[in-house]
Amino acid sequence: MPRTLPVANRLLLGLTGLVLFAAGGAVLAAALGAGVPSWWPWSGPGDVLLTQRARQHWRAESWWWPTVIAALAVLLLLGLWWLLAQFRRSRLAEILVESPDGEVALLRGRALESVLIGEVEDLDGVARARIGIHGRPTAPTVRVRLLLEPYASPEETLRRLAAEALTHARTSAGLEALPAEVRLRAEKHHARRVV
């Protein structure tokens, strides 16, 4: 996921909250008789948001109020889900490393990612690697995306990735297992005209 997406997401969420807060504050100020701008549709405590005619227009329909309440409930749940999603980390910040004698240390997830990227990109046939560590601090998982050179053998690259880079990472972090999801993609070279 691009780094700008969470920033844009949080910015949009903040702007939405600010607009709703300002609108609610303006309605409350008008209801309390405080000064509001002349263009504001509700200017005093006697004004209402919906006229009696607007409120009673759909009143005879039995589906109207359950539909309105259900739609508002769905909007509220979506808003809460969106808010909580902002605080969820997509990558693992720290990995719990435990030695055989019971000592415990924390390894930064980004540090292990950068070491893995360096080792994987040194494999023959790998043009570029993107690696993310996810899961729990005691049971991390690795997501690997490899861009392979046109001559690379996917089977050989996958075998060396598992036997070398992932095994080194697992043993150096003292983990019993390090499951990995690997996605391979071949680099495309376009024909060039030779003069």
N, C-alpha and C. Protein backbone atom coordinates (compact mmCIF):
# COMPACT_ATOMS: atom_id res chain seq x y z
N MET A 1 0.85 -1.18 0.00
CA MET A 1 0.00 0.00 0.00
C MET A 1 0.89 1.23 0.00
N PRO A 2 0.64 2.21 -0.88
CA PRO A 2 1.44 3.42 -0.91
C PRO A 2 1.36 4.15 0.42
N ARG A 3 2.47 4.83 0.76
CA ARG A 3 2.52 5.52 2.04
C ARG A 3 1.57 6.70 2.09
N THR A 4 1.22 7.29 0.93
CA THR A 4 0.34 8.45 0.92
C THR A 4 -1.11 8.08 1.19
N LEU A 5 -1.48 6.80 0.99
CA LEU A 5 -2.87 6.39 1.18
C LEU A 5 -3.32 6.55 2.62
N PRO A 6 -2.57 6.07 3.65
CA PRO A 6 -3.03 6.29 5.02
C PRO A 6 -3.11 7.77 5.39
N VAL A 7 -2.18 8.59 4.86
CA VAL A 7 -2.20 10.02 5.16
C VAL A 7 -3.44 10.65 4.55
N ALA A 8 -3.74 10.33 3.30
CA ALA A 8 -4.94 10.86 2.64
C ALA A 8 -6.20 10.38 3.34
N ASN A 9 -6.19 9.12 3.78
CA ASN A 9 -7.33 8.55 4.47
C ASN A 9 -7.60 9.30 5.78
N ARG A 10 -6.55 9.53 6.54
CA ARG A 10 -6.70 10.25 7.81
C ARG A 10 -7.11 11.70 7.58
N LEU A 11 -6.55 12.31 6.54
CA LEU A 11 -6.90 13.70 6.23
C LEU A 11 -8.38 13.80 5.85
N LEU A 12 -8.85 12.88 5.03
CA LEU A 12 -10.26 12.88 4.64
C LEU A 12 -11.17 12.64 5.84
N LEU A 13 -10.76 11.72 6.71
CA LEU A 13 -11.53 11.45 7.92
C LEU A 13 -11.57 12.68 8.83
N GLY A 14 -10.45 13.37 8.98
CA GLY A 14 -10.39 14.58 9.79
C GLY A 14 -11.25 15.70 9.22
N LEU A 15 -11.20 15.89 7.90
CA LEU A 15 -12.02 16.93 7.27
C LEU A 15 -13.50 16.63 7.40
N THR A 16 -13.87 15.36 7.23
CA THR A 16 -15.28 14.97 7.39
C THR A 16 -15.75 15.26 8.81
N GLY A 17 -14.93 14.88 9.79
CA GLY A 17 -15.28 15.15 11.19
C GLY A 17 -15.38 16.63 11.48
N LEU A 18 -14.46 17.42 10.90
CA LEU A 18 -14.48 18.87 11.12
C LEU A 18 -15.73 19.50 10.53
N VAL A 19 -16.14 19.09 9.33
CA VAL A 19 -17.34 19.63 8.70
C VAL A 19 -18.58 19.27 9.52
N LEU A 20 -18.66 18.00 9.94
CA LEU A 20 -19.81 17.58 10.76
C LEU A 20 -19.84 18.30 12.10
N PHE A 21 -18.68 18.51 12.71
CA PHE A 21 -18.61 19.22 13.98
C PHE A 21 -19.04 20.68 13.82
N ALA A 22 -18.57 21.33 12.74
CA ALA A 22 -18.94 22.72 12.50
C ALA A 22 -20.43 22.86 12.21
N ALA A 23 -20.99 21.94 11.41
CA ALA A 23 -22.43 22.01 11.11
C ALA A 23 -23.25 21.77 12.37
N GLY A 24 -22.86 20.79 13.18
CA GLY A 24 -23.58 20.55 14.43
C GLY A 24 -23.48 21.72 15.39
N GLY A 25 -22.29 22.33 15.45
CA GLY A 25 -22.11 23.50 16.31
C GLY A 25 -22.95 24.68 15.85
N ALA A 26 -23.05 24.87 14.54
CA ALA A 26 -23.86 25.98 14.01
C ALA A 26 -25.34 25.76 14.29
N VAL A 27 -25.81 24.52 14.14
CA VAL A 27 -27.22 24.22 14.44
C VAL A 27 -27.49 24.44 15.93
N LEU A 28 -26.57 24.01 16.78
CA LEU A 28 -26.72 24.19 18.22
C LEU A 28 -26.70 25.67 18.58
N ALA A 29 -25.82 26.44 17.95
CA ALA A 29 -25.76 27.89 18.22
C ALA A 29 -27.06 28.56 17.82
N ALA A 30 -27.63 28.17 16.67
CA ALA A 30 -28.90 28.75 16.24
C ALA A 30 -30.02 28.38 17.20
N ALA A 31 -30.00 27.13 17.69
CA ALA A 31 -31.05 26.69 18.62
C ALA A 31 -30.97 27.42 19.95
N LEU A 32 -29.75 27.79 20.36
CA LEU A 32 -29.58 28.51 21.62
C LEU A 32 -29.76 30.02 21.47
N GLY A 33 -29.97 30.48 20.25
CA GLY A 33 -30.20 31.90 20.01
C GLY A 33 -28.92 32.71 19.87
N ALA A 34 -27.79 32.04 19.75
CA ALA A 34 -26.53 32.75 19.55
C ALA A 34 -26.48 33.30 18.13
N GLY A 35 -25.58 34.22 17.89
CA GLY A 35 -25.47 34.83 16.57
C GLY A 35 -24.95 33.86 15.53
N VAL A 36 -25.65 33.75 14.44
CA VAL A 36 -25.22 32.91 13.32
C VAL A 36 -25.20 33.77 12.07
N PRO A 37 -24.46 33.39 11.04
CA PRO A 37 -24.41 34.20 9.82
C PRO A 37 -25.79 34.35 9.18
N SER A 38 -25.97 35.43 8.42
CA SER A 38 -27.27 35.72 7.81
C SER A 38 -27.66 34.69 6.76
N TRP A 39 -26.70 34.04 6.13
CA TRP A 39 -27.01 33.05 5.10
C TRP A 39 -27.40 31.70 5.69
N TRP A 40 -27.22 31.50 6.98
CA TRP A 40 -27.53 30.21 7.60
C TRP A 40 -29.03 29.98 7.60
N PRO A 41 -29.51 28.79 7.17
CA PRO A 41 -30.96 28.57 7.02
C PRO A 41 -31.74 28.59 8.33
N TRP A 42 -31.12 28.32 9.47
CA TRP A 42 -31.82 28.31 10.76
C TRP A 42 -31.23 29.41 11.62
N SER A 43 -32.03 30.42 11.90
CA SER A 43 -31.46 31.59 12.56
C SER A 43 -31.91 31.77 14.00
N GLY A 44 -32.82 30.97 14.49
CA GLY A 44 -33.27 31.19 15.86
C GLY A 44 -33.81 29.93 16.49
N PRO A 45 -34.12 30.00 17.80
CA PRO A 45 -34.60 28.82 18.51
C PRO A 45 -35.95 28.32 18.00
N GLY A 46 -36.74 29.13 17.34
CA GLY A 46 -38.04 28.71 16.84
C GLY A 46 -37.97 27.96 15.53
N ASP A 47 -36.83 28.05 14.83
CA ASP A 47 -36.69 27.36 13.54
C ASP A 47 -36.45 25.87 13.75
N VAL A 48 -36.89 25.10 12.78
CA VAL A 48 -36.70 23.65 12.84
C VAL A 48 -35.92 23.19 11.62
N LEU A 49 -35.25 22.03 11.77
CA LEU A 49 -34.48 21.49 10.65
C LEU A 49 -35.38 21.01 9.53
N LEU A 50 -36.48 20.34 9.90
CA LEU A 50 -37.44 19.85 8.91
C LEU A 50 -38.80 20.46 9.22
N THR A 51 -39.47 20.98 8.21
CA THR A 51 -40.81 21.53 8.42
C THR A 51 -41.78 20.40 8.71
N GLN A 52 -42.97 20.78 9.21
CA GLN A 52 -43.97 19.76 9.53
C GLN A 52 -44.38 19.01 8.27
N ARG A 53 -44.48 19.72 7.17
CA ARG A 53 -44.87 19.07 5.91
C ARG A 53 -43.80 18.07 5.46
N ALA A 54 -42.51 18.45 5.60
CA ALA A 54 -41.43 17.54 5.21
C ALA A 54 -41.38 16.32 6.12
N ARG A 55 -41.66 16.53 7.41
CA ARG A 55 -41.64 15.41 8.34
C ARG A 55 -42.79 14.44 8.10
N GLN A 56 -43.93 14.95 7.70
CA GLN A 56 -45.11 14.10 7.55
C GLN A 56 -45.32 13.59 6.13
N HIS A 57 -44.47 14.01 5.22
CA HIS A 57 -44.62 13.63 3.81
C HIS A 57 -44.60 12.11 3.64
N TRP A 58 -43.65 11.41 4.26
CA TRP A 58 -43.52 9.96 4.12
C TRP A 58 -44.08 9.22 5.33
N ARG A 59 -44.72 9.91 6.21
CA ARG A 59 -45.18 9.32 7.46
C ARG A 59 -46.16 8.16 7.24
N ALA A 60 -46.99 8.25 6.23
CA ALA A 60 -47.98 7.20 5.98
C ALA A 60 -47.36 5.93 5.42
N GLU A 61 -46.16 6.03 4.88
CA GLU A 61 -45.48 4.86 4.32
C GLU A 61 -44.85 4.05 5.45
N SER A 62 -45.16 2.77 5.51
CA SER A 62 -44.65 1.94 6.60
C SER A 62 -43.16 1.63 6.46
N TRP A 63 -42.61 1.74 5.27
CA TRP A 63 -41.21 1.40 5.04
C TRP A 63 -40.27 2.57 5.34
N TRP A 64 -40.80 3.81 5.41
CA TRP A 64 -39.95 4.99 5.46
C TRP A 64 -39.04 5.04 6.68
N TRP A 65 -39.60 5.01 7.89
CA TRP A 65 -38.77 5.18 9.08
C TRP A 65 -37.81 4.00 9.31
N PRO A 66 -38.23 2.75 9.11
CA PRO A 66 -37.23 1.68 9.23
C PRO A 66 -36.08 1.82 8.24
N THR A 67 -36.39 2.29 7.03
CA THR A 67 -35.34 2.50 6.02
C THR A 67 -34.38 3.60 6.45
N VAL A 68 -34.93 4.71 6.94
CA VAL A 68 -34.08 5.82 7.40
C VAL A 68 -33.19 5.38 8.55
N ILE A 69 -33.77 4.68 9.52
CA ILE A 69 -33.00 4.23 10.68
C ILE A 69 -31.93 3.23 10.25
N ALA A 70 -32.27 2.30 9.37
CA ALA A 70 -31.29 1.32 8.90
C ALA A 70 -30.15 1.99 8.14
N ALA A 71 -30.49 2.96 7.29
CA ALA A 71 -29.45 3.67 6.52
C ALA A 71 -28.53 4.45 7.45
N LEU A 72 -29.09 5.12 8.45
CA LEU A 72 -28.26 5.85 9.40
C LEU A 72 -27.39 4.91 10.23
N ALA A 73 -27.93 3.75 10.60
CA ALA A 73 -27.15 2.77 11.36
C ALA A 73 -25.98 2.25 10.52
N VAL A 74 -26.23 1.98 9.24
CA VAL A 74 -25.17 1.52 8.35
C VAL A 74 -24.10 2.60 8.19
N LEU A 75 -24.52 3.86 8.01
CA LEU A 75 -23.55 4.95 7.92
C LEU A 75 -22.73 5.09 9.19
N LEU A 76 -23.36 4.94 10.33
CA LEU A 76 -22.64 5.02 11.60
C LEU A 76 -21.63 3.89 11.72
N LEU A 77 -22.02 2.67 11.39
CA LEU A 77 -21.10 1.54 11.47
C LEU A 77 -19.95 1.68 10.49
N LEU A 78 -20.23 2.14 9.27
CA LEU A 78 -19.15 2.37 8.31
C LEU A 78 -18.18 3.44 8.79
N GLY A 79 -18.72 4.50 9.38
CA GLY A 79 -17.86 5.55 9.92
C GLY A 79 -16.99 5.05 11.05
N LEU A 80 -17.55 4.26 11.94
CA LEU A 80 -16.76 3.69 13.04
C LEU A 80 -15.71 2.72 12.53
N TRP A 81 -16.09 1.88 11.55
CA TRP A 81 -15.12 0.96 10.96
C TRP A 81 -13.97 1.72 10.31
N TRP A 82 -14.29 2.79 9.60
CA TRP A 82 -13.29 3.62 8.94
C TRP A 82 -12.37 4.25 9.97
N LEU A 83 -12.93 4.76 11.05
CA LEU A 83 -12.13 5.37 12.11
C LEU A 83 -11.19 4.35 12.74
N LEU A 84 -11.69 3.17 13.09
CA LEU A 84 -10.86 2.15 13.72
C LEU A 84 -9.80 1.61 12.77
N ALA A 85 -10.09 1.59 11.48
CA ALA A 85 -9.11 1.11 10.50
C ALA A 85 -7.89 2.03 10.43
N GLN A 86 -8.03 3.28 10.84
CA GLN A 86 -6.91 4.20 10.79
C GLN A 86 -5.83 3.84 11.81
N PHE A 87 -6.21 3.17 12.87
CA PHE A 87 -5.27 2.86 13.92
C PHE A 87 -4.67 1.46 13.79
N ARG A 88 -5.13 0.70 12.81
CA ARG A 88 -4.60 -0.64 12.62
C ARG A 88 -3.30 -0.56 11.82
N ARG A 89 -2.30 -1.22 12.30
CA ARG A 89 -1.02 -1.24 11.59
C ARG A 89 -1.02 -2.39 10.59
N SER A 90 -0.58 -2.09 9.40
CA SER A 90 -0.54 -3.14 8.39
C SER A 90 0.73 -3.98 8.52
N ARG A 91 1.78 -3.39 9.04
CA ARG A 91 3.03 -4.12 9.21
C ARG A 91 3.34 -4.30 10.67
N LEU A 92 4.11 -5.32 10.94
CA LEU A 92 4.51 -5.63 12.30
C LEU A 92 5.65 -4.71 12.71
N ALA A 93 5.48 -3.97 13.79
CA ALA A 93 6.51 -3.03 14.23
C ALA A 93 7.67 -3.74 14.92
N GLU A 94 7.36 -4.74 15.75
CA GLU A 94 8.41 -5.43 16.50
C GLU A 94 8.16 -6.92 16.52
N ILE A 95 9.25 -7.68 16.58
CA ILE A 95 9.18 -9.13 16.67
C ILE A 95 9.83 -9.53 17.99
N LEU A 96 9.17 -10.42 18.70
CA LEU A 96 9.68 -10.90 19.98
C LEU A 96 10.67 -12.02 19.71
N VAL A 97 11.93 -11.79 20.10
CA VAL A 97 12.99 -12.77 19.91
C VAL A 97 13.32 -13.35 21.28
N GLU A 98 13.22 -14.68 21.39
CA GLU A 98 13.49 -15.34 22.66
C GLU A 98 14.66 -16.32 22.49
N SER A 99 15.65 -16.19 23.37
CA SER A 99 16.81 -17.08 23.31
C SER A 99 16.49 -18.38 24.04
N PRO A 100 17.29 -19.44 23.81
CA PRO A 100 17.03 -20.72 24.48
C PRO A 100 17.11 -20.64 26.01
N ASP A 101 17.89 -19.70 26.55
CA ASP A 101 18.00 -19.59 28.00
C ASP A 101 16.94 -18.67 28.61
N GLY A 102 15.95 -18.24 27.81
CA GLY A 102 14.82 -17.48 28.34
C GLY A 102 14.93 -15.97 28.23
N GLU A 103 16.04 -15.46 27.69
CA GLU A 103 16.18 -14.02 27.50
C GLU A 103 15.28 -13.56 26.36
N VAL A 104 14.73 -12.36 26.50
CA VAL A 104 13.79 -11.84 25.50
C VAL A 104 14.30 -10.50 24.99
N ALA A 105 14.18 -10.31 23.69
CA ALA A 105 14.55 -9.04 23.06
C ALA A 105 13.51 -8.71 22.00
N LEU A 106 13.46 -7.44 21.62
CA LEU A 106 12.56 -7.00 20.56
C LEU A 106 13.38 -6.62 19.33
N LEU A 107 12.98 -7.16 18.19
CA LEU A 107 13.63 -6.88 16.92
C LEU A 107 12.68 -6.03 16.09
N ARG A 108 13.17 -4.92 15.58
CA ARG A 108 12.32 -4.07 14.75
C ARG A 108 11.97 -4.79 13.46
N GLY A 109 10.68 -4.75 13.13
CA GLY A 109 10.21 -5.41 11.91
C GLY A 109 10.84 -4.84 10.67
N ARG A 110 11.01 -3.52 10.63
CA ARG A 110 11.62 -2.87 9.45
C ARG A 110 13.07 -3.30 9.27
N ALA A 111 13.77 -3.54 10.39
CA ALA A 111 15.16 -3.98 10.29
C ALA A 111 15.24 -5.35 9.63
N LEU A 112 14.39 -6.27 10.06
CA LEU A 112 14.37 -7.60 9.46
C LEU A 112 13.94 -7.53 8.00
N GLU A 113 12.99 -6.66 7.69
CA GLU A 113 12.55 -6.49 6.30
C GLU A 113 13.71 -6.03 5.43
N SER A 114 14.46 -5.03 5.89
CA SER A 114 15.55 -4.49 5.05
C SER A 114 16.66 -5.51 4.86
N VAL A 115 16.96 -6.32 5.88
CA VAL A 115 17.96 -7.37 5.74
C VAL A 115 17.47 -8.42 4.75
N LEU A 116 16.20 -8.81 4.86
CA LEU A 116 15.64 -9.78 3.93
C LEU A 116 15.65 -9.25 2.50
N ILE A 117 15.30 -8.00 2.31
CA ILE A 117 15.30 -7.42 0.96
C ILE A 117 16.70 -7.47 0.37
N GLY A 118 17.70 -7.09 1.17
CA GLY A 118 19.07 -7.13 0.68
C GLY A 118 19.51 -8.52 0.28
N GLU A 119 19.17 -9.52 1.10
CA GLU A 119 19.58 -10.90 0.80
C GLU A 119 18.81 -11.46 -0.39
N VAL A 120 17.54 -11.14 -0.49
CA VAL A 120 16.73 -11.66 -1.59
C VAL A 120 17.13 -11.02 -2.92
N GLU A 121 17.42 -9.73 -2.91
CA GLU A 121 17.81 -9.07 -4.16
C GLU A 121 19.19 -9.52 -4.64
N ASP A 122 19.98 -10.14 -3.76
CA ASP A 122 21.27 -10.70 -4.18
C ASP A 122 21.11 -12.06 -4.86
N LEU A 123 19.93 -12.67 -4.76
CA LEU A 123 19.71 -13.95 -5.43
C LEU A 123 19.74 -13.76 -6.94
N ASP A 124 20.31 -14.74 -7.63
CA ASP A 124 20.40 -14.66 -9.08
C ASP A 124 19.01 -14.69 -9.70
N GLY A 125 18.72 -13.74 -10.56
CA GLY A 125 17.44 -13.70 -11.26
C GLY A 125 16.41 -12.79 -10.62
N VAL A 126 16.70 -12.20 -9.46
CA VAL A 126 15.74 -11.31 -8.80
C VAL A 126 16.11 -9.86 -9.15
N ALA A 127 15.19 -9.18 -9.82
CA ALA A 127 15.41 -7.78 -10.18
C ALA A 127 15.08 -6.84 -9.02
N ARG A 128 13.97 -7.14 -8.33
CA ARG A 128 13.55 -6.28 -7.21
C ARG A 128 12.70 -7.11 -6.25
N ALA A 129 12.80 -6.77 -4.97
CA ALA A 129 12.01 -7.48 -3.96
C ALA A 129 11.31 -6.46 -3.07
N ARG A 130 10.07 -6.79 -2.70
CA ARG A 130 9.31 -6.01 -1.72
C ARG A 130 8.86 -6.98 -0.65
N ILE A 131 9.18 -6.67 0.60
CA ILE A 131 8.91 -7.59 1.69
C ILE A 131 8.21 -6.85 2.82
N GLY A 132 7.18 -7.47 3.36
CA GLY A 132 6.46 -6.94 4.51
C GLY A 132 6.29 -8.03 5.56
N ILE A 133 6.49 -7.66 6.82
CA ILE A 133 6.31 -8.62 7.91
C ILE A 133 5.02 -8.27 8.63
N HIS A 134 4.15 -9.25 8.76
CA HIS A 134 2.82 -9.06 9.34
C HIS A 134 2.61 -10.09 10.45
N GLY A 135 1.44 -10.09 11.02
CA GLY A 135 1.10 -11.09 12.03
C GLY A 135 1.26 -10.56 13.44
N ARG A 136 1.60 -11.47 14.36
CA ARG A 136 1.78 -11.12 15.78
C ARG A 136 3.27 -11.10 16.11
N PRO A 137 3.67 -10.38 17.15
CA PRO A 137 5.09 -10.34 17.51
C PRO A 137 5.68 -11.71 17.83
N THR A 138 4.87 -12.64 18.30
CA THR A 138 5.38 -13.97 18.61
C THR A 138 5.25 -14.93 17.44
N ALA A 139 4.46 -14.58 16.43
CA ALA A 139 4.26 -15.46 15.27
C ALA A 139 4.17 -14.62 14.00
N PRO A 140 5.30 -14.07 13.55
CA PRO A 140 5.26 -13.23 12.35
C PRO A 140 5.11 -14.06 11.07
N THR A 141 4.60 -13.41 10.05
CA THR A 141 4.53 -14.00 8.71
C THR A 141 5.15 -13.00 7.74
N VAL A 142 5.63 -13.51 6.63
CA VAL A 142 6.32 -12.67 5.66
C VAL A 142 5.55 -12.69 4.35
N ARG A 143 5.38 -11.52 3.77
CA ARG A 143 4.80 -11.40 2.43
C ARG A 143 5.89 -10.90 1.50
N VAL A 144 6.18 -11.68 0.49
CA VAL A 144 7.28 -11.38 -0.43
C VAL A 144 6.71 -11.18 -1.83
N ARG A 145 7.13 -10.11 -2.46
CA ARG A 145 6.78 -9.86 -3.87
C ARG A 145 8.08 -9.70 -4.63
N LEU A 146 8.28 -10.59 -5.60
CA LEU A 146 9.52 -10.58 -6.35
C LEU A 146 9.28 -10.23 -7.81
N LEU A 147 10.12 -9.39 -8.34
CA LEU A 147 10.14 -9.09 -9.76
C LEU A 147 11.34 -9.83 -10.33
N LEU A 148 11.09 -10.81 -11.17
CA LEU A 148 12.15 -11.68 -11.68
C LEU A 148 12.66 -11.19 -13.03
N GLU A 149 13.95 -11.42 -13.26
CA GLU A 149 14.55 -11.15 -14.56
C GLU A 149 13.95 -12.13 -15.57
N PRO A 150 13.97 -11.79 -16.86
CA PRO A 150 13.37 -12.68 -17.87
C PRO A 150 14.00 -14.07 -17.92
N TYR A 151 15.28 -14.17 -17.59
CA TYR A 151 15.95 -15.46 -17.66
C TYR A 151 15.79 -16.30 -16.39
N ALA A 152 15.22 -15.75 -15.33
CA ALA A 152 15.16 -16.43 -14.04
C ALA A 152 14.20 -17.62 -14.06
N SER A 153 14.56 -18.64 -13.31
CA SER A 153 13.70 -19.80 -13.14
C SER A 153 12.88 -19.60 -11.87
N PRO A 154 11.56 -19.50 -11.97
CA PRO A 154 10.74 -19.29 -10.77
C PRO A 154 10.93 -20.40 -9.73
N GLU A 155 11.04 -21.64 -10.19
CA GLU A 155 11.19 -22.75 -9.25
C GLU A 155 12.51 -22.64 -8.49
N GLU A 156 13.59 -22.34 -9.20
CA GLU A 156 14.90 -22.22 -8.55
C GLU A 156 14.95 -21.02 -7.62
N THR A 157 14.35 -19.91 -8.05
CA THR A 157 14.32 -18.71 -7.20
C THR A 157 13.54 -18.98 -5.93
N LEU A 158 12.41 -19.64 -6.04
CA LEU A 158 11.59 -19.95 -4.87
C LEU A 158 12.32 -20.91 -3.93
N ARG A 159 13.02 -21.90 -4.49
CA ARG A 159 13.77 -22.84 -3.67
C ARG A 159 14.88 -22.13 -2.90
N ARG A 160 15.63 -21.27 -3.58
CA ARG A 160 16.72 -20.54 -2.92
C ARG A 160 16.19 -19.54 -1.89
N LEU A 161 15.05 -18.93 -2.19
CA LEU A 161 14.45 -18.00 -1.24
C LEU A 161 14.12 -18.73 0.06
N ALA A 162 13.50 -19.90 -0.05
CA ALA A 162 13.13 -20.66 1.14
C ALA A 162 14.36 -21.22 1.85
N ALA A 163 15.32 -21.75 1.10
CA ALA A 163 16.48 -22.41 1.70
C ALA A 163 17.49 -21.42 2.27
N GLU A 164 17.58 -20.24 1.67
CA GLU A 164 18.62 -19.31 2.12
C GLU A 164 18.05 -18.14 2.92
N ALA A 165 17.38 -17.22 2.24
CA ALA A 165 16.97 -15.97 2.90
C ALA A 165 15.99 -16.19 4.04
N LEU A 166 14.93 -16.94 3.79
CA LEU A 166 13.93 -17.14 4.84
C LEU A 166 14.46 -18.00 5.98
N THR A 167 15.30 -18.98 5.67
CA THR A 167 15.90 -19.80 6.72
C THR A 167 16.84 -18.97 7.58
N HIS A 168 17.65 -18.11 6.95
CA HIS A 168 18.54 -17.23 7.71
C HIS A 168 17.74 -16.30 8.63
N ALA A 169 16.65 -15.74 8.11
CA ALA A 169 15.83 -14.84 8.92
C ALA A 169 15.20 -15.57 10.09
N ARG A 170 14.71 -16.78 9.84
CA ARG A 170 14.06 -17.57 10.89
C ARG A 170 15.05 -17.93 11.99
N THR A 171 16.22 -18.41 11.62
CA THR A 171 17.20 -18.82 12.63
C THR A 171 17.79 -17.62 13.36
N SER A 172 18.05 -16.53 12.65
CA SER A 172 18.62 -15.36 13.33
C SER A 172 17.65 -14.72 14.31
N ALA A 173 16.35 -14.81 14.02
CA ALA A 173 15.34 -14.26 14.94
C ALA A 173 14.90 -15.27 15.99
N GLY A 174 15.42 -16.50 15.91
CA GLY A 174 15.08 -17.52 16.89
C GLY A 174 13.63 -17.97 16.82
N LEU A 175 13.08 -17.97 15.63
CA LEU A 175 11.68 -18.36 15.46
C LEU A 175 11.57 -19.83 15.10
N GLU A 176 10.52 -20.48 15.61
CA GLU A 176 10.29 -21.88 15.26
C GLU A 176 9.84 -22.01 13.81
N ALA A 177 9.02 -21.06 13.36
CA ALA A 177 8.52 -21.08 11.99
C ALA A 177 8.40 -19.65 11.49
N LEU A 178 8.56 -19.50 10.19
CA LEU A 178 8.38 -18.20 9.56
C LEU A 178 7.64 -18.42 8.24
N PRO A 179 6.29 -18.53 8.32
CA PRO A 179 5.53 -18.75 7.09
C PRO A 179 5.65 -17.57 6.14
N ALA A 180 5.63 -17.87 4.86
CA ALA A 180 5.79 -16.82 3.86
C ALA A 180 4.79 -17.01 2.73
N GLU A 181 4.29 -15.88 2.24
CA GLU A 181 3.46 -15.86 1.04
C GLU A 181 4.28 -15.15 -0.02
N VAL A 182 4.55 -15.84 -1.12
CA VAL A 182 5.45 -15.31 -2.15
C VAL A 182 4.66 -15.11 -3.44
N ARG A 183 4.82 -13.93 -4.02
CA ARG A 183 4.22 -13.64 -5.33
C ARG A 183 5.34 -13.31 -6.30
N LEU A 184 5.34 -13.99 -7.40
CA LEU A 184 6.38 -13.82 -8.41
C LEU A 184 5.79 -13.13 -9.63
N ARG A 185 6.59 -12.25 -10.20
CA ARG A 185 6.18 -11.57 -11.43
C ARG A 185 7.43 -11.41 -12.29
N ALA A 186 7.29 -11.63 -13.57
CA ALA A 186 8.44 -11.53 -14.48
C ALA A 186 8.55 -10.11 -15.02
N GLU A 187 9.78 -9.65 -15.09
CA GLU A 187 10.03 -8.34 -15.66
C GLU A 187 9.90 -8.43 -17.17
N LYS A 188 9.25 -7.45 -17.76
CA LYS A 188 9.03 -7.47 -19.22
C LYS A 188 10.04 -6.56 -19.89
N HIS A 189 10.71 -7.13 -20.87
CA HIS A 189 11.64 -6.35 -21.67
C HIS A 189 11.03 -6.17 -23.04
N HIS A 190 11.05 -4.97 -23.54
CA HIS A 190 10.50 -4.69 -24.85
C HIS A 190 11.64 -4.74 -25.89
N ALA A 191 11.28 -5.17 -27.05
CA ALA A 191 12.27 -5.26 -28.13
C ALA A 191 12.76 -3.88 -28.49
N ARG A 192 14.06 -3.79 -28.73
CA ARG A 192 14.66 -2.52 -29.15
C ARG A 192 15.23 -2.66 -30.54
N ARG A 193 15.16 -1.60 -31.29
CA ARG A 193 15.70 -1.62 -32.64
C ARG A 193 17.20 -1.32 -32.57
N VAL A 194 17.98 -2.17 -33.19
CA VAL A 194 19.42 -1.99 -33.22
C VAL A 194 19.78 -1.44 -34.60
N VAL A 195 20.51 -0.34 -34.61
CA VAL A 195 20.87 0.28 -35.88
C VAL A 195 22.30 0.01 -36.20
